[in-house]
Amino acid sequence: IMGNVPRYRGGALNIYVQMLEMSANGALQKELEQIKHINSRIMQGE
């Protein structure tokens, strides 16, 4: 559900929400990369 668009929006509420969006999307992308690496290891027979 968390937003993910390139444009940085002004305003106090938008700034707070964008901090959450950065944290949420950033953490998710790290997990996606981690699972992608796990899949590559599985494909190699591990």
ModelCIF file with pLDDT and N, C-alpha, C, O atoms, coordinates in Angstrom:
data_MODEL
#
_entry.id   MODEL 
#
_entity.id                         1 
_entity.type                       polymer 
_entity.pdbx_number_of_molecules   1 
#
_entity_poly.entity_id                      1 
_entity_poly.type                           'polypeptide(L)' 
_entity_poly.nstd_linkage                   no 
_entity_poly.nstd_monomer                   no 
_entity_poly.pdbx_seq_one_letter_code       IMGNVPRYRGGALNIYVQMLEMSANGALQKELEQIKHINSRIMQGE 
_entity_poly.pdbx_seq_one_letter_code_can   IMGNVPRYRGGALNIYVQMLEMSANGALQKELEQIKHINSRIMQGE 
_entity_poly.pdbx_strand_id                 A 
#
loop_
_entity_poly_seq.entity_id 
_entity_poly_seq.num 
_entity_poly_seq.mon_id 
_entity_poly_seq.hetero 
1 1  ILE n 
1 2  MET n 
1 3  GLY n 
1 4  ASN n 
1 5  VAL n 
1 6  PRO n 
1 7  ARG n 
1 8  TYR n 
1 9  ARG n 
1 10 GLY n 
1 11 GLY n 
1 12 ALA n 
1 13 LEU n 
1 14 ASN n 
1 15 ILE n 
1 16 TYR n 
1 17 VAL n 
1 18 GLN n 
1 19 MET n 
1 20 LEU n 
1 21 GLU n 
1 22 MET n 
1 23 SER n 
1 24 ALA n 
1 25 ASN n 
1 26 GLY n 
1 27 ALA n 
1 28 LEU n 
1 29 GLN n 
1 30 LYS n 
1 31 GLU n 
1 32 LEU n 
1 33 GLU n 
1 34 GLN n 
1 35 ILE n 
1 36 LYS n 
1 37 HIS n 
1 38 ILE n 
1 39 ASN n 
1 40 SER n 
1 41 ARG n 
1 42 ILE n 
1 43 MET n 
1 44 GLN n 
1 45 GLY n 
1 46 GLU n 
#
_struct_asym.id          A 
_struct_asym.entity_id   1 
#
loop_
_ma_qa_metric.id 
_ma_qa_metric.mode 
_ma_qa_metric.name 
_ma_qa_metric.software_group_id 
_ma_qa_metric.type 
1 global pLDDT . pLDDT 
2 local  pLDDT . pLDDT 
#
_ma_qa_metric_global.metric_id      1 
_ma_qa_metric_global.metric_value   93.98 
_ma_qa_metric_global.model_id       1 
_ma_qa_metric_global.ordinal_id     1 
#
loop_
_ma_qa_metric_local.label_asym_id 
_ma_qa_metric_local.label_comp_id 
_ma_qa_metric_local.label_seq_id 
_ma_qa_metric_local.metric_id 
_ma_qa_metric_local.metric_value 
_ma_qa_metric_local.model_id 
_ma_qa_metric_local.ordinal_id 
A ILE 1  2 95.00 1 1  
A MET 2  2 95.00 1 2  
A GLY 3  2 94.00 1 3  
A ASN 4  2 95.00 1 4  
A VAL 5  2 93.00 1 5  
A PRO 6  2 92.00 1 6  
A ARG 7  2 89.00 1 7  
A TYR 8  2 91.00 1 8  
A ARG 9  2 86.00 1 9  
A GLY 10 2 87.00 1 10 
A GLY 11 2 86.00 1 11 
A ALA 12 2 88.00 1 12 
A LEU 13 2 86.00 1 13 
A ASN 14 2 88.00 1 14 
A ILE 15 2 92.00 1 15 
A TYR 16 2 91.00 1 16 
A VAL 17 2 92.00 1 17 
A GLN 18 2 93.00 1 18 
A MET 19 2 94.00 1 19 
A LEU 20 2 94.00 1 20 
A GLU 21 2 95.00 1 21 
A MET 22 2 95.00 1 22 
A SER 23 2 96.00 1 23 
A ALA 24 2 96.00 1 24 
A ASN 25 2 96.00 1 25 
A GLY 26 2 96.00 1 26 
A ALA 27 2 96.00 1 27 
A LEU 28 2 97.00 1 28 
A GLN 29 2 97.00 1 29 
A LYS 30 2 97.00 1 30 
A GLU 31 2 97.00 1 31 
A LEU 32 2 97.00 1 32 
A GLU 33 2 97.00 1 33 
A GLN 34 2 97.00 1 34 
A ILE 35 2 97.00 1 35 
A LYS 36 2 97.00 1 36 
A HIS 37 2 97.00 1 37 
A ILE 38 2 97.00 1 38 
A ASN 39 2 97.00 1 39 
A SER 40 2 97.00 1 40 
A ARG 41 2 96.00 1 41 
A ILE 42 2 96.00 1 42 
A MET 43 2 95.00 1 43 
A GLN 44 2 95.00 1 44 
A GLY 45 2 94.00 1 45 
A GLU 46 2 95.00 1 46 
#
loop_
_atom_site.group_PDB 
_atom_site.id 
_atom_site.type_symbol 
_atom_site.label_atom_id 
_atom_site.label_alt_id 
_atom_site.label_comp_id 
_atom_site.label_asym_id 
_atom_site.label_entity_id 
_atom_site.label_seq_id 
_atom_site.pdbx_PDB_ins_code 
_atom_site.Cartn_x 
_atom_site.Cartn_y 
_atom_site.Cartn_z 
_atom_site.occupancy 
_atom_site.B_iso_or_equiv 
_atom_site.pdbx_formal_charge 
_atom_site.auth_seq_id 
_atom_site.auth_comp_id 
_atom_site.auth_asym_id 
_atom_site.auth_atom_id 
_atom_site.pdbx_PDB_model_num 
ATOM 1   N N  . ILE A 1 1  ? 0.811  -1.211  0.000  1.00 95.00 ? 1  ILE A N  1 
ATOM 2   C CA . ILE A 1 1  ? 0.000  0.000   0.000  1.00 95.00 ? 1  ILE A CA 1 
ATOM 3   C C  . ILE A 1 1  ? 0.849  1.268   0.000  1.00 95.00 ? 1  ILE A C  1 
ATOM 4   O O  . ILE A 1 1  ? 0.416  2.293   -0.525 1.00 95.00 ? 1  ILE A O  1 
ATOM 5   N N  . MET A 1 2  ? 2.034  1.218   0.571  1.00 95.00 ? 2  MET A N  1 
ATOM 6   C CA . MET A 1 2  ? 2.857  2.421   0.681  1.00 95.00 ? 2  MET A CA 1 
ATOM 7   C C  . MET A 1 2  ? 3.199  2.981   -0.696 1.00 95.00 ? 2  MET A C  1 
ATOM 8   O O  . MET A 1 2  ? 3.549  2.233   -1.609 1.00 95.00 ? 2  MET A O  1 
ATOM 9   N N  . GLY A 1 3  ? 3.095  4.300   -0.841 1.00 94.00 ? 3  GLY A N  1 
ATOM 10  C CA . GLY A 1 3  ? 3.356  4.951   -2.111 1.00 94.00 ? 3  GLY A CA 1 
ATOM 11  C C  . GLY A 1 3  ? 4.810  4.830   -2.544 1.00 94.00 ? 3  GLY A C  1 
ATOM 12  O O  . GLY A 1 3  ? 5.712  4.690   -1.717 1.00 94.00 ? 3  GLY A O  1 
ATOM 13  N N  . ASN A 1 4  ? 5.021  4.888   -3.855 1.00 95.00 ? 4  ASN A N  1 
ATOM 14  C CA . ASN A 1 4  ? 6.390  4.829   -4.393 1.00 95.00 ? 4  ASN A CA 1 
ATOM 15  C C  . ASN A 1 4  ? 6.423  5.551   -5.742 1.00 95.00 ? 4  ASN A C  1 
ATOM 16  O O  . ASN A 1 4  ? 6.318  4.931   -6.800 1.00 95.00 ? 4  ASN A O  1 
ATOM 17  N N  . VAL A 1 5  ? 6.572  6.878   -5.677 1.00 93.00 ? 5  VAL A N  1 
ATOM 18  C CA . VAL A 1 5  ? 6.679  7.698   -6.884 1.00 93.00 ? 5  VAL A CA 1 
ATOM 19  C C  . VAL A 1 5  ? 7.942  8.546   -6.793 1.00 93.00 ? 5  VAL A C  1 
ATOM 20  O O  . VAL A 1 5  ? 8.436  8.792   -5.693 1.00 93.00 ? 5  VAL A O  1 
ATOM 21  N N  . PRO A 1 6  ? 8.476  8.998   -7.931 1.00 92.00 ? 6  PRO A N  1 
ATOM 22  C CA . PRO A 1 6  ? 9.751  9.742   -7.911 1.00 92.00 ? 6  PRO A CA 1 
ATOM 23  C C  . PRO A 1 6  ? 9.659  11.147  -7.337 1.00 92.00 ? 6  PRO A C  1 
ATOM 24  O O  . PRO A 1 6  ? 10.621 11.635  -6.744 1.00 92.00 ? 6  PRO A O  1 
ATOM 25  N N  . ARG A 1 7  ? 8.511  11.808  -7.505 1.00 89.00 ? 7  ARG A N  1 
ATOM 26  C CA . ARG A 1 7  ? 8.421  13.223  -7.136 1.00 89.00 ? 7  ARG A CA 1 
ATOM 27  C C  . ARG A 1 7  ? 8.392  13.416  -5.626 1.00 89.00 ? 7  ARG A C  1 
ATOM 28  O O  . ARG A 1 7  ? 7.631  12.757  -4.916 1.00 89.00 ? 7  ARG A O  1 
ATOM 29  N N  . TYR A 1 8  ? 9.239  14.339  -5.142 1.00 91.00 ? 8  TYR A N  1 
ATOM 30  C CA . TYR A 1 8  ? 9.268  14.669  -3.713 1.00 91.00 ? 8  TYR A CA 1 
ATOM 31  C C  . TYR A 1 8  ? 8.258  15.784  -3.473 1.00 91.00 ? 8  TYR A C  1 
ATOM 32  O O  . TYR A 1 8  ? 8.312  16.832  -4.116 1.00 91.00 ? 8  TYR A O  1 
ATOM 33  N N  . ARG A 1 9  ? 7.341  15.551  -2.548 1.00 86.00 ? 9  ARG A N  1 
ATOM 34  C CA . ARG A 1 9  ? 6.243  16.483  -2.312 1.00 86.00 ? 9  ARG A CA 1 
ATOM 35  C C  . ARG A 1 9  ? 6.508  17.334  -1.072 1.00 86.00 ? 9  ARG A C  1 
ATOM 36  O O  . ARG A 1 9  ? 7.065  16.854  -0.085 1.00 86.00 ? 9  ARG A O  1 
ATOM 37  N N  . GLY A 1 10 ? 6.113  18.574  -1.133 1.00 87.00 ? 10 GLY A N  1 
ATOM 38  C CA . GLY A 1 10 ? 6.287  19.473  -0.005 1.00 87.00 ? 10 GLY A CA 1 
ATOM 39  C C  . GLY A 1 10 ? 5.120  19.420  0.957  1.00 87.00 ? 10 GLY A C  1 
ATOM 40  O O  . GLY A 1 10 ? 4.088  18.820  0.658  1.00 87.00 ? 10 GLY A O  1 
ATOM 41  N N  . GLY A 1 11 ? 5.282  20.057  2.132  1.00 86.00 ? 11 GLY A N  1 
ATOM 42  C CA . GLY A 1 11 ? 4.247  20.059  3.160  1.00 86.00 ? 11 GLY A CA 1 
ATOM 43  C C  . GLY A 1 11 ? 4.601  19.115  4.285  1.00 86.00 ? 11 GLY A C  1 
ATOM 44  O O  . GLY A 1 11 ? 5.174  18.050  4.051  1.00 86.00 ? 11 GLY A O  1 
ATOM 45  N N  . ALA A 1 12 ? 4.259  19.501  5.521  1.00 88.00 ? 12 ALA A N  1 
ATOM 46  C CA . ALA A 1 12 ? 4.661  18.727  6.701  1.00 88.00 ? 12 ALA A CA 1 
ATOM 47  C C  . ALA A 1 12 ? 4.139  17.290  6.657  1.00 88.00 ? 12 ALA A C  1 
ATOM 48  O O  . ALA A 1 12 ? 4.879  16.352  6.952  1.00 88.00 ? 12 ALA A O  1 
ATOM 49  N N  . LEU A 1 13 ? 2.867  17.117  6.289  1.00 86.00 ? 13 LEU A N  1 
ATOM 50  C CA . LEU A 1 13 ? 2.295  15.774  6.255  1.00 86.00 ? 13 LEU A CA 1 
ATOM 51  C C  . LEU A 1 13 ? 2.984  14.923  5.192  1.00 86.00 ? 13 LEU A C  1 
ATOM 52  O O  . LEU A 1 13 ? 3.328  13.768  5.443  1.00 86.00 ? 13 LEU A O  1 
ATOM 53  N N  . ASN A 1 14 ? 3.184  15.494  4.008  1.00 88.00 ? 14 ASN A N  1 
ATOM 54  C CA . ASN A 1 14 ? 3.855  14.750  2.942  1.00 88.00 ? 14 ASN A CA 1 
ATOM 55  C C  . ASN A 1 14 ? 5.271  14.355  3.334  1.00 88.00 ? 14 ASN A C  1 
ATOM 56  O O  . ASN A 1 14 ? 5.722  13.252  3.027  1.00 88.00 ? 14 ASN A O  1 
ATOM 57  N N  . ILE A 1 15 ? 5.968  15.258  4.011  1.00 92.00 ? 15 ILE A N  1 
ATOM 58  C CA . ILE A 1 15 ? 7.347  14.957  4.420  1.00 92.00 ? 15 ILE A CA 1 
ATOM 59  C C  . ILE A 1 15 ? 7.377  13.773  5.386  1.00 92.00 ? 15 ILE A C  1 
ATOM 60  O O  . ILE A 1 15 ? 8.218  12.883  5.259  1.00 92.00 ? 15 ILE A O  1 
ATOM 61  N N  . TYR A 1 16 ? 6.445  13.766  6.364  1.00 91.00 ? 16 TYR A N  1 
ATOM 62  C CA . TYR A 1 16 ? 6.399  12.649  7.321  1.00 91.00 ? 16 TYR A CA 1 
ATOM 63  C C  . TYR A 1 16 ? 6.060  11.344  6.593  1.00 91.00 ? 16 TYR A C  1 
ATOM 64  O O  . TYR A 1 16 ? 6.690  10.312  6.826  1.00 91.00 ? 16 TYR A O  1 
ATOM 65  N N  . VAL A 1 17 ? 5.063  11.403  5.712  1.00 92.00 ? 17 VAL A N  1 
ATOM 66  C CA . VAL A 1 17 ? 4.657  10.203  4.975  1.00 92.00 ? 17 VAL A CA 1 
ATOM 67  C C  . VAL A 1 17 ? 5.799  9.699   4.095  1.00 92.00 ? 17 VAL A C  1 
ATOM 68  O O  . VAL A 1 17 ? 6.011  8.494   3.967  1.00 92.00 ? 17 VAL A O  1 
ATOM 69  N N  . GLN A 1 18 ? 6.535  10.642  3.488  1.00 93.00 ? 18 GLN A N  1 
ATOM 70  C CA . GLN A 1 18 ? 7.632  10.244  2.613  1.00 93.00 ? 18 GLN A CA 1 
ATOM 71  C C  . GLN A 1 18 ? 8.773  9.602   3.374  1.00 93.00 ? 18 GLN A C  1 
ATOM 72  O O  . GLN A 1 18 ? 9.480  8.758   2.823  1.00 93.00 ? 18 GLN A O  1 
ATOM 73  N N  . MET A 1 19 ? 8.972  9.984   4.633  1.00 94.00 ? 19 MET A N  1 
ATOM 74  C CA . MET A 1 19 ? 9.965  9.293   5.458  1.00 94.00 ? 19 MET A CA 1 
ATOM 75  C C  . MET A 1 19 ? 9.562  7.835   5.632  1.00 94.00 ? 19 MET A C  1 
ATOM 76  O O  . MET A 1 19 ? 10.402 6.936   5.565  1.00 94.00 ? 19 MET A O  1 
ATOM 77  N N  . LEU A 1 20 ? 8.264  7.607   5.858  1.00 94.00 ? 20 LEU A N  1 
ATOM 78  C CA . LEU A 1 20 ? 7.772  6.235   5.970  1.00 94.00 ? 20 LEU A CA 1 
ATOM 79  C C  . LEU A 1 20 ? 7.923  5.491   4.646  1.00 94.00 ? 20 LEU A C  1 
ATOM 80  O O  . LEU A 1 20 ? 8.323  4.327   4.622  1.00 94.00 ? 20 LEU A O  1 
ATOM 81  N N  . GLU A 1 21 ? 7.602  6.170   3.545  1.00 95.00 ? 21 GLU A N  1 
ATOM 82  C CA . GLU A 1 21 ? 7.711  5.532   2.240  1.00 95.00 ? 21 GLU A CA 1 
ATOM 83  C C  . GLU A 1 21 ? 9.154  5.151   1.925  1.00 95.00 ? 21 GLU A C  1 
ATOM 84  O O  . GLU A 1 21 ? 9.409  4.081   1.372  1.00 95.00 ? 21 GLU A O  1 
ATOM 85  N N  . MET A 1 22 ? 10.103 6.028   2.278  1.00 95.00 ? 22 MET A N  1 
ATOM 86  C CA . MET A 1 22 ? 11.513 5.710   2.049  1.00 95.00 ? 22 MET A CA 1 
ATOM 87  C C  . MET A 1 22 ? 11.937 4.497   2.865  1.00 95.00 ? 22 MET A C  1 
ATOM 88  O O  . MET A 1 22 ? 12.588 3.586   2.354  1.00 95.00 ? 22 MET A O  1 
ATOM 89  N N  . SER A 1 23 ? 11.556 4.498   4.147  1.00 96.00 ? 23 SER A N  1 
ATOM 90  C CA . SER A 1 23 ? 11.937 3.384   5.023  1.00 96.00 ? 23 SER A CA 1 
ATOM 91  C C  . SER A 1 23 ? 11.293 2.080   4.563  1.00 96.00 ? 23 SER A C  1 
ATOM 92  O O  . SER A 1 23 ? 11.954 1.046   4.466  1.00 96.00 ? 23 SER A O  1 
ATOM 93  N N  . ALA A 1 24 ? 9.975  2.148   4.279  1.00 96.00 ? 24 ALA A N  1 
ATOM 94  C CA . ALA A 1 24 ? 9.240  0.941   3.926  1.00 96.00 ? 24 ALA A CA 1 
ATOM 95  C C  . ALA A 1 24 ? 9.722  0.357   2.603  1.00 96.00 ? 24 ALA A C  1 
ATOM 96  O O  . ALA A 1 24 ? 10.019 -0.834  2.516  1.00 96.00 ? 24 ALA A O  1 
ATOM 97  N N  . ASN A 1 25 ? 9.799  1.192   1.582  1.00 96.00 ? 25 ASN A N  1 
ATOM 98  C CA . ASN A 1 25 ? 10.235 0.698   0.276  1.00 96.00 ? 25 ASN A CA 1 
ATOM 99  C C  . ASN A 1 25 ? 11.695 0.259   0.292  1.00 96.00 ? 25 ASN A C  1 
ATOM 100 O O  . ASN A 1 25 ? 12.058 -0.737  -0.333 1.00 96.00 ? 25 ASN A O  1 
ATOM 101 N N  . GLY A 1 26 ? 12.533 1.012   1.015  1.00 96.00 ? 26 GLY A N  1 
ATOM 102 C CA . GLY A 1 26 ? 13.942 0.644   1.107  1.00 96.00 ? 26 GLY A CA 1 
ATOM 103 C C  . GLY A 1 26 ? 14.149 -0.706  1.765  1.00 96.00 ? 26 GLY A C  1 
ATOM 104 O O  . GLY A 1 26 ? 14.925 -1.532  1.286  1.00 96.00 ? 26 GLY A O  1 
ATOM 105 N N  . ALA A 1 27 ? 13.435 -0.926  2.887  1.00 96.00 ? 27 ALA A N  1 
ATOM 106 C CA . ALA A 1 27 ? 13.562 -2.216  3.590  1.00 96.00 ? 27 ALA A CA 1 
ATOM 107 C C  . ALA A 1 27 ? 13.015 -3.354  2.743  1.00 96.00 ? 27 ALA A C  1 
ATOM 108 O O  . ALA A 1 27 ? 13.590 -4.442  2.719  1.00 96.00 ? 27 ALA A O  1 
ATOM 109 N N  . LEU A 1 28 ? 11.904 -3.111  2.044  1.00 97.00 ? 28 LEU A N  1 
ATOM 110 C CA . LEU A 1 28 ? 11.334 -4.157  1.191  1.00 97.00 ? 28 LEU A CA 1 
ATOM 111 C C  . LEU A 1 28 ? 12.300 -4.514  0.064  1.00 97.00 ? 28 LEU A C  1 
ATOM 112 O O  . LEU A 1 28 ? 12.485 -5.688  -0.254 1.00 97.00 ? 28 LEU A O  1 
ATOM 113 N N  . GLN A 1 29 ? 12.908 -3.502  -0.533 1.00 97.00 ? 29 GLN A N  1 
ATOM 114 C CA . GLN A 1 29 ? 13.831 -3.777  -1.636 1.00 97.00 ? 29 GLN A CA 1 
ATOM 115 C C  . GLN A 1 29 ? 15.046 -4.585  -1.183 1.00 97.00 ? 29 GLN A C  1 
ATOM 116 O O  . GLN A 1 29 ? 15.573 -5.400  -1.940 1.00 97.00 ? 29 GLN A O  1 
ATOM 117 N N  . LYS A 1 30 ? 15.488 -4.354  0.057  1.00 97.00 ? 30 LYS A N  1 
ATOM 118 C CA . LYS A 1 30 ? 16.586 -5.166  0.588  1.00 97.00 ? 30 LYS A CA 1 
ATOM 119 C C  . LYS A 1 30 ? 16.161 -6.622  0.718  1.00 97.00 ? 30 LYS A C  1 
ATOM 120 O O  . LYS A 1 30 ? 16.936 -7.532  0.420  1.00 97.00 ? 30 LYS A O  1 
ATOM 121 N N  . GLU A 1 31 ? 14.916 -6.841  1.168  1.00 97.00 ? 31 GLU A N  1 
ATOM 122 C CA . GLU A 1 31 ? 14.434 -8.220  1.305  1.00 97.00 ? 31 GLU A CA 1 
ATOM 123 C C  . GLU A 1 31 ? 14.222 -8.868  -0.069 1.00 97.00 ? 31 GLU A C  1 
ATOM 124 O O  . GLU A 1 31 ? 14.480 -10.059 -0.241 1.00 97.00 ? 31 GLU A O  1 
ATOM 125 N N  . LEU A 1 32 ? 13.758 -8.092  -1.030 1.00 97.00 ? 32 LEU A N  1 
ATOM 126 C CA . LEU A 1 32 ? 13.604 -8.639  -2.372 1.00 97.00 ? 32 LEU A CA 1 
ATOM 127 C C  . LEU A 1 32 ? 14.956 -9.093  -2.918 1.00 97.00 ? 32 LEU A C  1 
ATOM 128 O O  . LEU A 1 32 ? 15.066 -10.160 -3.524 1.00 97.00 ? 32 LEU A O  1 
ATOM 129 N N  . GLU A 1 33 ? 15.980 -8.274  -2.697 1.00 97.00 ? 33 GLU A N  1 
ATOM 130 C CA . GLU A 1 33 ? 17.323 -8.620  -3.154 1.00 97.00 ? 33 GLU A CA 1 
ATOM 131 C C  . GLU A 1 33 ? 17.828 -9.862  -2.421 1.00 97.00 ? 33 GLU A C  1 
ATOM 132 O O  . GLU A 1 33 ? 18.476 -10.722 -3.017 1.00 97.00 ? 33 GLU A O  1 
ATOM 133 N N  . GLN A 1 34 ? 17.529 -9.948  -1.134 1.00 97.00 ? 34 GLN A N  1 
ATOM 134 C CA . GLN A 1 34 ? 17.963 -11.096 -0.338 1.00 97.00 ? 34 GLN A CA 1 
ATOM 135 C C  . GLN A 1 34 ? 17.311 -12.394 -0.831 1.00 97.00 ? 34 GLN A C  1 
ATOM 136 O O  . GLN A 1 34 ? 17.980 -13.420 -0.949 1.00 97.00 ? 34 GLN A O  1 
ATOM 137 N N  . ILE A 1 35 ? 16.006 -12.345 -1.117 1.00 97.00 ? 35 ILE A N  1 
ATOM 138 C CA . ILE A 1 35 ? 15.308 -13.545 -1.585 1.00 97.00 ? 35 ILE A CA 1 
ATOM 139 C C  . ILE A 1 35 ? 15.747 -13.898 -3.002 1.00 97.00 ? 35 ILE A C  1 
ATOM 140 O O  . ILE A 1 35 ? 15.841 -15.075 -3.350 1.00 97.00 ? 35 ILE A O  1 
ATOM 141 N N  . LYS A 1 36 ? 16.013 -12.887 -3.815 1.00 97.00 ? 36 LYS A N  1 
ATOM 142 C CA . LYS A 1 36 ? 16.549 -13.136 -5.155 1.00 97.00 ? 36 LYS A CA 1 
ATOM 143 C C  . LYS A 1 36 ? 17.872 -13.906 -5.057 1.00 97.00 ? 36 LYS A C  1 
ATOM 144 O O  . LYS A 1 36 ? 18.114 -14.832 -5.832 1.00 97.00 ? 36 LYS A O  1 
ATOM 145 N N  . HIS A 1 37 ? 18.721 -13.521 -4.106 1.00 97.00 ? 37 HIS A N  1 
ATOM 146 C CA . HIS A 1 37 ? 19.995 -14.213 -3.900 1.00 97.00 ? 37 HIS A CA 1 
ATOM 147 C C  . HIS A 1 37 ? 19.757 -15.636 -3.401 1.00 97.00 ? 37 HIS A C  1 
ATOM 148 O O  . HIS A 1 37 ? 20.451 -16.564 -3.818 1.00 97.00 ? 37 HIS A O  1 
ATOM 149 N N  . ILE A 1 38 ? 18.780 -15.813 -2.510 1.00 97.00 ? 38 ILE A N  1 
ATOM 150 C CA . ILE A 1 38 ? 18.445 -17.156 -2.019 1.00 97.00 ? 38 ILE A CA 1 
ATOM 151 C C  . ILE A 1 38 ? 18.005 -18.043 -3.176 1.00 97.00 ? 38 ILE A C  1 
ATOM 152 O O  . ILE A 1 38 ? 18.401 -19.205 -3.266 1.00 97.00 ? 38 ILE A O  1 
ATOM 153 N N  . ASN A 1 39 ? 17.177 -17.482 -4.067 1.00 97.00 ? 39 ASN A N  1 
ATOM 154 C CA . ASN A 1 39 ? 16.708 -18.260 -5.223 1.00 97.00 ? 39 ASN A CA 1 
ATOM 155 C C  . ASN A 1 39 ? 17.861 -18.691 -6.129 1.00 97.00 ? 39 ASN A C  1 
ATOM 156 O O  . ASN A 1 39 ? 17.865 -19.802 -6.659 1.00 97.00 ? 39 ASN A O  1 
ATOM 157 N N  . SER A 1 40 ? 18.836 -17.802 -6.298 1.00 97.00 ? 40 SER A N  1 
ATOM 158 C CA . SER A 1 40 ? 19.988 -18.169 -7.135 1.00 97.00 ? 40 SER A CA 1 
ATOM 159 C C  . SER A 1 40 ? 20.785 -19.308 -6.502 1.00 97.00 ? 40 SER A C  1 
ATOM 160 O O  . SER A 1 40 ? 21.306 -20.170 -7.210 1.00 97.00 ? 40 SER A O  1 
ATOM 161 N N  . ARG A 1 41 ? 20.881 -19.314 -5.182 1.00 96.00 ? 41 ARG A N  1 
ATOM 162 C CA . ARG A 1 41 ? 21.577 -20.404 -4.485 1.00 96.00 ? 41 ARG A CA 1 
ATOM 163 C C  . ARG A 1 41 ? 20.800 -21.709 -4.624 1.00 96.00 ? 41 ARG A C  1 
ATOM 164 O O  . ARG A 1 41 ? 21.390 -22.774 -4.804 1.00 96.00 ? 41 ARG A O  1 
ATOM 165 N N  . ILE A 1 42 ? 19.457 -21.619 -4.538 1.00 96.00 ? 42 ILE A N  1 
ATOM 166 C CA . ILE A 1 42 ? 18.626 -22.814 -4.692 1.00 96.00 ? 42 ILE A CA 1 
ATOM 167 C C  . ILE A 1 42 ? 18.775 -23.389 -6.090 1.00 96.00 ? 42 ILE A C  1 
ATOM 168 O O  . ILE A 1 42 ? 18.852 -24.605 -6.262 1.00 96.00 ? 42 ILE A O  1 
ATOM 169 N N  . MET A 1 43 ? 18.815 -22.506 -7.098 1.00 95.00 ? 43 MET A N  1 
ATOM 170 C CA . MET A 1 43 ? 18.950 -22.959 -8.485 1.00 95.00 ? 43 MET A CA 1 
ATOM 171 C C  . MET A 1 43 ? 20.285 -23.670 -8.720 1.00 95.00 ? 43 MET A C  1 
ATOM 172 O O  . MET A 1 43 ? 20.418 -24.458 -9.655 1.00 95.00 ? 43 MET A O  1 
ATOM 173 N N  . GLN A 1 44 ? 21.263 -23.387 -7.871 1.00 95.00 ? 44 GLN A N  1 
ATOM 174 C CA . GLN A 1 44 ? 22.565 -24.035 -7.969 1.00 95.00 ? 44 GLN A CA 1 
ATOM 175 C C  . GLN A 1 44 ? 22.623 -25.327 -7.162 1.00 95.00 ? 44 GLN A C  1 
ATOM 176 O O  . GLN A 1 44 ? 23.684 -25.938 -7.037 1.00 95.00 ? 44 GLN A O  1 
ATOM 177 N N  . GLY A 1 45 ? 21.472 -25.746 -6.610 1.00 94.00 ? 45 GLY A N  1 
ATOM 178 C CA . GLY A 1 45 ? 21.398 -27.021 -5.911 1.00 94.00 ? 45 GLY A CA 1 
ATOM 179 C C  . GLY A 1 45 ? 21.519 -26.926 -4.406 1.00 94.00 ? 45 GLY A C  1 
ATOM 180 O O  . GLY A 1 45 ? 21.515 -27.953 -3.729 1.00 94.00 ? 45 GLY A O  1 
ATOM 181 N N  . GLU A 1 46 ? 21.627 -25.713 -3.857 1.00 95.00 ? 46 GLU A N  1 
ATOM 182 C CA . GLU A 1 46 ? 21.776 -25.551 -2.418 1.00 95.00 ? 46 GLU A CA 1 
ATOM 183 C C  . GLU A 1 46 ? 20.402 -25.486 -1.761 1.00 95.00 ? 46 GLU A C  1 
ATOM 184 O O  . GLU A 1 46 ? 20.306 -25.350 -0.541 1.00 95.00 ? 46 GLU A O  1 
#
